[in-house]
Amino acid sequence: MNRWSLVALPVLALGVAAFAKPVAHAVVPVTHRVRMAQQGAKYLFNPANFTIKSGDVVEFVNVSGGPHNVAFDKDHIPAGAREILNKAMARRQSDLMGPFLTQANEVYAINFTGAPKGTYSYFCLPHRALGMVGVITVE
């Protein structure tokens, strides 16, 4: 190899590196677990209010005091969220309303992939009047 080749190879390598696109790292969704429970005379989601990212999964677990379900308040979700939630909610009873969980430790999962940013008010239909409500914030 001549001396020009020795100079040209590192310069060529730097030029190729300058045009190479950085490798995008996959974003791994996080699973958030929400316990649905009765504690004395109180019915609650634990946690009730929390923040997730679009693409995360929320698992609702029937711990005690059921039957429980999760439903979203159509007047308190971001624009465009209704269709996405309905598609993500398997075994829906009706619009934005998941099935009743009757078995101990039964899990109902909702994937928030494509969910618009904003706040999502949710509740348990049988226990809404008893304060079993919450808010999920999607960042």
N, C-alpha and C. Protein backbone atom coordinates (compact mmCIF):
# COMPACT_ATOMS: atom_id res chain seq x y z
N MET A 1 0.84 -1.17 0.00
CA MET A 1 0.00 0.00 0.00
C MET A 1 0.89 1.24 0.00
N ASN A 2 0.54 2.23 -0.80
CA ASN A 2 1.33 3.46 -0.81
C ASN A 2 0.85 4.40 0.29
N ARG A 3 1.59 5.47 0.49
CA ARG A 3 1.26 6.37 1.61
C ARG A 3 -0.07 7.08 1.39
N TRP A 4 -0.52 7.29 0.15
CA TRP A 4 -1.83 7.92 -0.08
C TRP A 4 -2.97 7.00 0.35
N SER A 5 -2.78 5.73 0.16
CA SER A 5 -3.79 4.76 0.60
C SER A 5 -3.92 4.78 2.11
N LEU A 6 -2.80 4.89 2.79
CA LEU A 6 -2.83 4.92 4.26
C LEU A 6 -3.56 6.15 4.78
N VAL A 7 -3.51 7.25 4.05
CA VAL A 7 -4.21 8.47 4.44
C VAL A 7 -5.68 8.40 4.00
N ALA A 8 -5.92 7.86 2.83
CA ALA A 8 -7.27 7.84 2.26
C ALA A 8 -8.21 6.92 3.03
N LEU A 9 -7.77 5.79 3.51
CA LEU A 9 -8.64 4.85 4.22
C LEU A 9 -9.27 5.45 5.47
N PRO A 10 -8.51 6.08 6.38
CA PRO A 10 -9.16 6.68 7.55
C PRO A 10 -10.11 7.83 7.18
N VAL A 11 -9.75 8.62 6.17
CA VAL A 11 -10.61 9.72 5.74
C VAL A 11 -11.90 9.16 5.16
N LEU A 12 -11.81 8.11 4.37
CA LEU A 12 -12.99 7.46 3.80
C LEU A 12 -13.88 6.90 4.91
N ALA A 13 -13.29 6.27 5.89
CA ALA A 13 -14.05 5.71 7.01
C ALA A 13 -14.78 6.80 7.77
N LEU A 14 -14.14 7.95 7.99
CA LEU A 14 -14.80 9.06 8.68
C LEU A 14 -15.95 9.60 7.85
N GLY A 15 -15.78 9.66 6.53
CA GLY A 15 -16.85 10.15 5.65
C GLY A 15 -18.06 9.23 5.69
N VAL A 16 -17.86 7.93 5.67
CA VAL A 16 -18.96 6.97 5.73
C VAL A 16 -19.66 7.10 7.08
N ALA A 17 -18.91 7.21 8.16
CA ALA A 17 -19.50 7.34 9.49
C ALA A 17 -20.34 8.61 9.61
N ALA A 18 -19.94 9.66 8.92
CA ALA A 18 -20.68 10.92 9.00
C ALA A 18 -22.06 10.81 8.37
N PHE A 19 -22.21 9.90 7.39
CA PHE A 19 -23.50 9.75 6.72
C PHE A 19 -24.34 8.60 7.27
N ALA A 20 -23.76 7.83 8.15
CA ALA A 20 -24.50 6.70 8.71
C ALA A 20 -25.58 7.22 9.66
N LYS A 21 -26.74 6.60 9.58
CA LYS A 21 -27.84 6.99 10.47
C LYS A 21 -27.68 6.30 11.82
N PRO A 22 -27.98 7.02 12.90
CA PRO A 22 -27.89 6.37 14.21
C PRO A 22 -28.93 5.26 14.31
N VAL A 23 -28.60 4.23 15.05
CA VAL A 23 -29.51 3.11 15.24
C VAL A 23 -30.56 3.52 16.26
N ALA A 24 -31.83 3.39 15.89
CA ALA A 24 -32.92 3.73 16.80
C ALA A 24 -33.12 2.58 17.78
N HIS A 25 -33.19 2.90 19.05
CA HIS A 25 -33.43 1.88 20.06
C HIS A 25 -34.93 1.73 20.25
N ALA A 26 -35.37 0.51 20.28
CA ALA A 26 -36.80 0.23 20.47
C ALA A 26 -37.23 0.67 21.85
N VAL A 27 -38.40 1.28 21.91
CA VAL A 27 -38.97 1.68 23.19
C VAL A 27 -39.75 0.48 23.72
N VAL A 28 -39.38 0.05 24.90
CA VAL A 28 -40.03 -1.11 25.50
C VAL A 28 -41.22 -0.62 26.32
N PRO A 29 -42.42 -1.13 26.02
CA PRO A 29 -43.58 -0.69 26.80
C PRO A 29 -43.47 -1.16 28.25
N VAL A 30 -44.02 -0.37 29.13
CA VAL A 30 -44.04 -0.69 30.55
C VAL A 30 -45.43 -1.19 30.90
N THR A 31 -45.52 -2.17 31.77
CA THR A 31 -46.81 -2.65 32.25
C THR A 31 -47.06 -2.08 33.63
N HIS A 32 -48.19 -1.41 33.79
CA HIS A 32 -48.59 -0.81 35.06
C HIS A 32 -49.71 -1.66 35.64
N ARG A 33 -49.61 -2.01 36.91
CA ARG A 33 -50.61 -2.87 37.54
C ARG A 33 -51.45 -2.04 38.51
N VAL A 34 -52.76 -2.14 38.34
CA VAL A 34 -53.71 -1.42 39.19
C VAL A 34 -54.54 -2.46 39.94
N ARG A 35 -54.51 -2.37 41.25
CA ARG A 35 -55.29 -3.29 42.09
C ARG A 35 -56.70 -2.73 42.27
N MET A 36 -57.69 -3.59 42.10
CA MET A 36 -59.10 -3.21 42.29
C MET A 36 -59.52 -3.90 43.58
N ALA A 37 -59.87 -3.09 44.59
CA ALA A 37 -60.07 -3.69 45.91
C ALA A 37 -61.14 -3.02 46.74
N GLN A 38 -61.57 -3.76 47.75
CA GLN A 38 -62.43 -3.23 48.80
C GLN A 38 -61.61 -3.26 50.08
N GLN A 39 -61.54 -2.12 50.73
CA GLN A 39 -60.86 -2.00 52.02
C GLN A 39 -61.87 -1.45 53.01
N GLY A 40 -62.44 -2.33 53.84
CA GLY A 40 -63.52 -1.92 54.72
C GLY A 40 -64.71 -1.51 53.88
N ALA A 41 -65.20 -0.30 54.10
CA ALA A 41 -66.35 0.20 53.34
C ALA A 41 -65.92 0.94 52.07
N LYS A 42 -64.61 1.03 51.82
CA LYS A 42 -64.11 1.77 50.66
C LYS A 42 -63.80 0.83 49.50
N TYR A 43 -64.18 1.27 48.29
CA TYR A 43 -63.82 0.57 47.06
C TYR A 43 -62.85 1.47 46.32
N LEU A 44 -61.74 0.88 45.81
CA LEU A 44 -60.73 1.74 45.21
C LEU A 44 -59.87 1.04 44.17
N PHE A 45 -59.26 1.88 43.34
CA PHE A 45 -58.19 1.47 42.45
C PHE A 45 -56.90 1.88 43.16
N ASN A 46 -55.89 1.03 43.13
CA ASN A 46 -54.61 1.37 43.76
C ASN A 46 -53.47 0.99 42.82
N PRO A 47 -52.80 1.99 42.21
CA PRO A 47 -53.05 3.41 42.34
C PRO A 47 -54.26 3.83 41.50
N ALA A 48 -54.86 4.93 41.90
CA ALA A 48 -56.02 5.45 41.15
C ALA A 48 -55.57 6.43 40.07
N ASN A 49 -54.60 7.26 40.39
CA ASN A 49 -54.12 8.30 39.48
C ASN A 49 -52.64 8.07 39.21
N PHE A 50 -52.29 7.92 37.92
CA PHE A 50 -50.89 7.64 37.57
C PHE A 50 -50.64 8.06 36.13
N THR A 51 -49.36 8.08 35.75
CA THR A 51 -48.94 8.54 34.43
C THR A 51 -48.27 7.40 33.68
N ILE A 52 -48.60 7.29 32.38
CA ILE A 52 -48.00 6.28 31.51
C ILE A 52 -47.56 6.95 30.22
N LYS A 53 -46.94 6.17 29.36
CA LYS A 53 -46.59 6.63 28.02
C LYS A 53 -47.46 5.89 27.00
N SER A 54 -47.70 6.51 25.87
CA SER A 54 -48.42 5.83 24.80
C SER A 54 -47.65 4.56 24.46
N GLY A 55 -48.36 3.45 24.39
CA GLY A 55 -47.71 2.16 24.14
C GLY A 55 -47.59 1.30 25.38
N ASP A 56 -47.74 1.90 26.55
CA ASP A 56 -47.71 1.13 27.79
C ASP A 56 -48.99 0.31 27.93
N VAL A 57 -48.94 -0.66 28.82
CA VAL A 57 -50.08 -1.52 29.10
C VAL A 57 -50.50 -1.30 30.55
N VAL A 58 -51.80 -1.23 30.78
CA VAL A 58 -52.33 -1.13 32.13
C VAL A 58 -53.09 -2.42 32.42
N GLU A 59 -52.70 -3.10 33.49
CA GLU A 59 -53.38 -4.31 33.93
C GLU A 59 -54.21 -3.98 35.17
N PHE A 60 -55.49 -4.27 35.10
CA PHE A 60 -56.39 -4.08 36.23
C PHE A 60 -56.60 -5.46 36.85
N VAL A 61 -56.33 -5.58 38.16
CA VAL A 61 -56.39 -6.87 38.84
C VAL A 61 -57.49 -6.84 39.90
N ASN A 62 -58.41 -7.80 39.84
CA ASN A 62 -59.48 -7.93 40.82
C ASN A 62 -58.90 -8.57 42.08
N VAL A 63 -58.69 -7.75 43.11
CA VAL A 63 -58.09 -8.25 44.35
C VAL A 63 -59.17 -8.66 45.35
N SER A 64 -60.15 -7.79 45.57
CA SER A 64 -61.21 -8.09 46.54
C SER A 64 -62.41 -7.19 46.30
N GLY A 65 -63.57 -7.61 46.79
CA GLY A 65 -64.76 -6.78 46.74
C GLY A 65 -65.45 -6.71 45.40
N GLY A 66 -65.13 -7.62 44.49
CA GLY A 66 -65.72 -7.59 43.15
C GLY A 66 -67.17 -8.01 43.15
N PRO A 67 -67.81 -8.00 42.00
CA PRO A 67 -67.16 -7.82 40.70
C PRO A 67 -66.76 -6.37 40.45
N HIS A 68 -65.66 -6.24 39.70
CA HIS A 68 -65.17 -4.92 39.30
C HIS A 68 -65.04 -4.91 37.78
N ASN A 69 -65.00 -3.71 37.23
CA ASN A 69 -64.64 -3.54 35.83
C ASN A 69 -63.97 -2.18 35.68
N VAL A 70 -63.55 -1.89 34.47
CA VAL A 70 -62.99 -0.57 34.17
C VAL A 70 -63.76 -0.01 32.98
N ALA A 71 -64.15 1.25 33.14
CA ALA A 71 -64.86 1.96 32.08
C ALA A 71 -64.30 3.37 32.01
N PHE A 72 -64.28 3.93 30.82
CA PHE A 72 -63.78 5.29 30.63
C PHE A 72 -64.94 6.24 30.40
N ASP A 73 -64.82 7.42 30.98
CA ASP A 73 -65.84 8.46 30.84
C ASP A 73 -65.64 9.13 29.48
N LYS A 74 -66.56 8.91 28.55
CA LYS A 74 -66.40 9.41 27.18
C LYS A 74 -66.25 10.92 27.10
N ASP A 75 -66.75 11.63 28.11
CA ASP A 75 -66.64 13.09 28.11
C ASP A 75 -65.34 13.58 28.74
N HIS A 76 -64.52 12.64 29.24
CA HIS A 76 -63.28 13.03 29.91
C HIS A 76 -62.10 12.18 29.44
N ILE A 77 -61.99 12.06 28.11
CA ILE A 77 -60.83 11.45 27.47
C ILE A 77 -60.43 12.36 26.31
N PRO A 78 -59.18 12.29 25.86
CA PRO A 78 -58.76 13.17 24.76
C PRO A 78 -59.49 12.87 23.45
N ALA A 79 -59.54 13.87 22.61
CA ALA A 79 -60.12 13.71 21.28
C ALA A 79 -59.36 12.61 20.54
N GLY A 80 -60.08 11.73 19.89
CA GLY A 80 -59.47 10.64 19.13
C GLY A 80 -59.17 9.40 19.95
N ALA A 81 -59.39 9.44 21.26
CA ALA A 81 -59.05 8.29 22.12
C ALA A 81 -60.13 7.21 22.11
N ARG A 82 -61.35 7.59 21.86
CA ARG A 82 -62.47 6.64 21.96
C ARG A 82 -62.27 5.40 21.08
N GLU A 83 -61.98 5.61 19.82
CA GLU A 83 -61.81 4.49 18.89
C GLU A 83 -60.62 3.62 19.30
N ILE A 84 -59.53 4.25 19.69
CA ILE A 84 -58.33 3.51 20.09
C ILE A 84 -58.60 2.66 21.32
N LEU A 85 -59.27 3.24 22.32
CA LEU A 85 -59.59 2.48 23.53
C LEU A 85 -60.53 1.32 23.23
N ASN A 86 -61.57 1.58 22.46
CA ASN A 86 -62.52 0.52 22.15
C ASN A 86 -61.84 -0.66 21.45
N LYS A 87 -60.89 -0.39 20.57
CA LYS A 87 -60.15 -1.46 19.90
C LYS A 87 -59.24 -2.20 20.87
N ALA A 88 -58.70 -1.47 21.86
CA ALA A 88 -57.76 -2.07 22.82
C ALA A 88 -58.45 -2.83 23.95
N MET A 89 -59.75 -2.63 24.09
CA MET A 89 -60.49 -3.25 25.19
C MET A 89 -61.19 -4.53 24.72
N ALA A 90 -60.57 -5.66 24.98
CA ALA A 90 -61.14 -6.96 24.62
C ALA A 90 -62.39 -7.23 25.47
N ARG A 91 -63.29 -7.99 24.91
CA ARG A 91 -64.49 -8.45 25.62
C ARG A 91 -65.31 -7.29 26.21
N ARG A 92 -65.39 -6.16 25.50
CA ARG A 92 -66.14 -5.01 26.00
C ARG A 92 -67.61 -5.36 26.21
N GLN A 93 -68.18 -4.79 27.27
CA GLN A 93 -69.62 -4.90 27.49
C GLN A 93 -70.36 -3.91 26.62
N SER A 94 -69.78 -2.73 26.48
CA SER A 94 -70.35 -1.67 25.65
C SER A 94 -69.25 -0.65 25.38
N ASP A 95 -69.63 0.48 24.83
CA ASP A 95 -68.68 1.54 24.49
C ASP A 95 -67.82 1.91 25.70
N LEU A 96 -66.50 1.76 25.56
CA LEU A 96 -65.52 2.15 26.58
C LEU A 96 -65.68 1.42 27.91
N MET A 97 -66.30 0.24 27.91
CA MET A 97 -66.56 -0.48 29.16
C MET A 97 -66.09 -1.93 29.06
N GLY A 98 -65.15 -2.27 29.93
CA GLY A 98 -64.63 -3.63 29.96
C GLY A 98 -65.56 -4.58 30.71
N PRO A 99 -65.26 -5.88 30.67
CA PRO A 99 -66.09 -6.89 31.30
C PRO A 99 -65.96 -6.86 32.83
N PHE A 100 -66.92 -7.47 33.49
CA PHE A 100 -66.83 -7.61 34.95
C PHE A 100 -65.82 -8.70 35.28
N LEU A 101 -64.95 -8.39 36.23
CA LEU A 101 -63.99 -9.38 36.73
C LEU A 101 -64.59 -9.98 38.00
N THR A 102 -64.84 -11.28 37.98
CA THR A 102 -65.52 -11.92 39.10
C THR A 102 -64.61 -12.86 39.89
N GLN A 103 -63.50 -13.26 39.30
CA GLN A 103 -62.60 -14.20 39.96
C GLN A 103 -61.46 -13.46 40.65
N ALA A 104 -61.02 -14.00 41.79
CA ALA A 104 -59.87 -13.43 42.51
C ALA A 104 -58.64 -13.46 41.60
N ASN A 105 -57.92 -12.36 41.58
CA ASN A 105 -56.69 -12.19 40.80
C ASN A 105 -56.90 -12.22 39.29
N GLU A 106 -58.14 -12.10 38.84
CA GLU A 106 -58.41 -12.00 37.41
C GLU A 106 -57.85 -10.67 36.90
N VAL A 107 -57.28 -10.70 35.70
CA VAL A 107 -56.60 -9.53 35.15
C VAL A 107 -57.27 -9.11 33.85
N TYR A 108 -57.41 -7.79 33.70
CA TYR A 108 -57.91 -7.21 32.46
C TYR A 108 -56.87 -6.20 31.99
N ALA A 109 -56.29 -6.42 30.80
CA ALA A 109 -55.21 -5.56 30.30
C ALA A 109 -55.70 -4.69 29.15
N ILE A 110 -55.23 -3.44 29.16
CA ILE A 110 -55.52 -2.50 28.08
C ILE A 110 -54.18 -1.94 27.58
N ASN A 111 -53.94 -2.08 26.27
CA ASN A 111 -52.72 -1.57 25.66
C ASN A 111 -53.01 -0.16 25.14
N PHE A 112 -52.21 0.81 25.57
CA PHE A 112 -52.41 2.20 25.19
C PHE A 112 -51.57 2.62 23.97
N THR A 113 -51.24 1.68 23.11
CA THR A 113 -50.51 2.01 21.89
C THR A 113 -51.36 2.93 21.01
N GLY A 114 -50.77 4.05 20.63
CA GLY A 114 -51.46 5.02 19.78
C GLY A 114 -52.40 5.94 20.52
N ALA A 115 -52.48 5.79 21.84
CA ALA A 115 -53.38 6.64 22.62
C ALA A 115 -52.89 8.08 22.63
N PRO A 116 -53.77 9.03 22.35
CA PRO A 116 -53.37 10.44 22.38
C PRO A 116 -52.96 10.88 23.79
N LYS A 117 -52.08 11.84 23.84
CA LYS A 117 -51.67 12.41 25.13
C LYS A 117 -52.86 13.09 25.79
N GLY A 118 -52.88 13.05 27.11
CA GLY A 118 -53.95 13.71 27.85
C GLY A 118 -54.40 12.87 29.03
N THR A 119 -55.52 13.27 29.62
CA THR A 119 -56.04 12.58 30.79
C THR A 119 -57.25 11.72 30.42
N TYR A 120 -57.33 10.57 31.05
CA TYR A 120 -58.37 9.58 30.82
C TYR A 120 -59.04 9.27 32.16
N SER A 121 -60.24 9.77 32.36
CA SER A 121 -60.98 9.46 33.58
C SER A 121 -61.61 8.08 33.45
N TYR A 122 -61.44 7.27 34.49
CA TYR A 122 -62.00 5.92 34.45
C TYR A 122 -62.67 5.60 35.78
N PHE A 123 -63.48 4.54 35.77
CA PHE A 123 -64.23 4.16 36.97
C PHE A 123 -64.62 2.69 36.90
N CYS A 124 -65.08 2.18 38.04
CA CYS A 124 -65.67 0.85 38.14
C CYS A 124 -67.17 1.06 38.17
N LEU A 125 -67.89 0.51 37.20
CA LEU A 125 -69.33 0.76 37.11
C LEU A 125 -70.10 0.41 38.39
N PRO A 126 -69.91 -0.79 38.99
CA PRO A 126 -70.70 -1.10 40.19
C PRO A 126 -70.35 -0.23 41.41
N HIS A 127 -69.14 0.35 41.41
CA HIS A 127 -68.69 1.06 42.61
C HIS A 127 -68.34 2.53 42.36
N ARG A 128 -68.78 3.07 41.25
CA ARG A 128 -68.49 4.47 40.93
C ARG A 128 -69.06 5.42 41.99
N ALA A 129 -70.30 5.18 42.39
CA ALA A 129 -70.94 6.04 43.39
C ALA A 129 -70.26 5.93 44.75
N LEU A 130 -69.47 4.87 44.94
CA LEU A 130 -68.75 4.68 46.19
C LEU A 130 -67.31 5.20 46.11
N GLY A 131 -67.00 5.91 45.02
CA GLY A 131 -65.69 6.57 44.89
C GLY A 131 -64.63 5.78 44.17
N MET A 132 -64.98 4.69 43.50
CA MET A 132 -63.97 3.91 42.79
C MET A 132 -63.76 4.51 41.41
N VAL A 133 -62.92 5.56 41.39
CA VAL A 133 -62.64 6.34 40.18
C VAL A 133 -61.15 6.63 40.13
N GLY A 134 -60.67 7.01 38.95
CA GLY A 134 -59.26 7.36 38.81
C GLY A 134 -58.99 8.12 37.53
N VAL A 135 -57.73 8.51 37.35
CA VAL A 135 -57.30 9.22 36.16
C VAL A 135 -55.96 8.67 35.71
N ILE A 136 -55.91 8.30 34.44
CA ILE A 136 -54.64 7.91 33.81
C ILE A 136 -54.22 9.08 32.94
N THR A 137 -52.98 9.51 33.09
CA THR A 137 -52.42 10.57 32.25
C THR A 137 -51.45 9.92 31.27
N VAL A 138 -51.67 10.14 29.97
CA VAL A 138 -50.78 9.61 28.95
C VAL A 138 -49.87 10.74 28.49
N GLU A 139 -48.58 10.51 28.60
CA GLU A 139 -47.58 11.52 28.17
C GLU A 139 -47.18 11.28 26.74
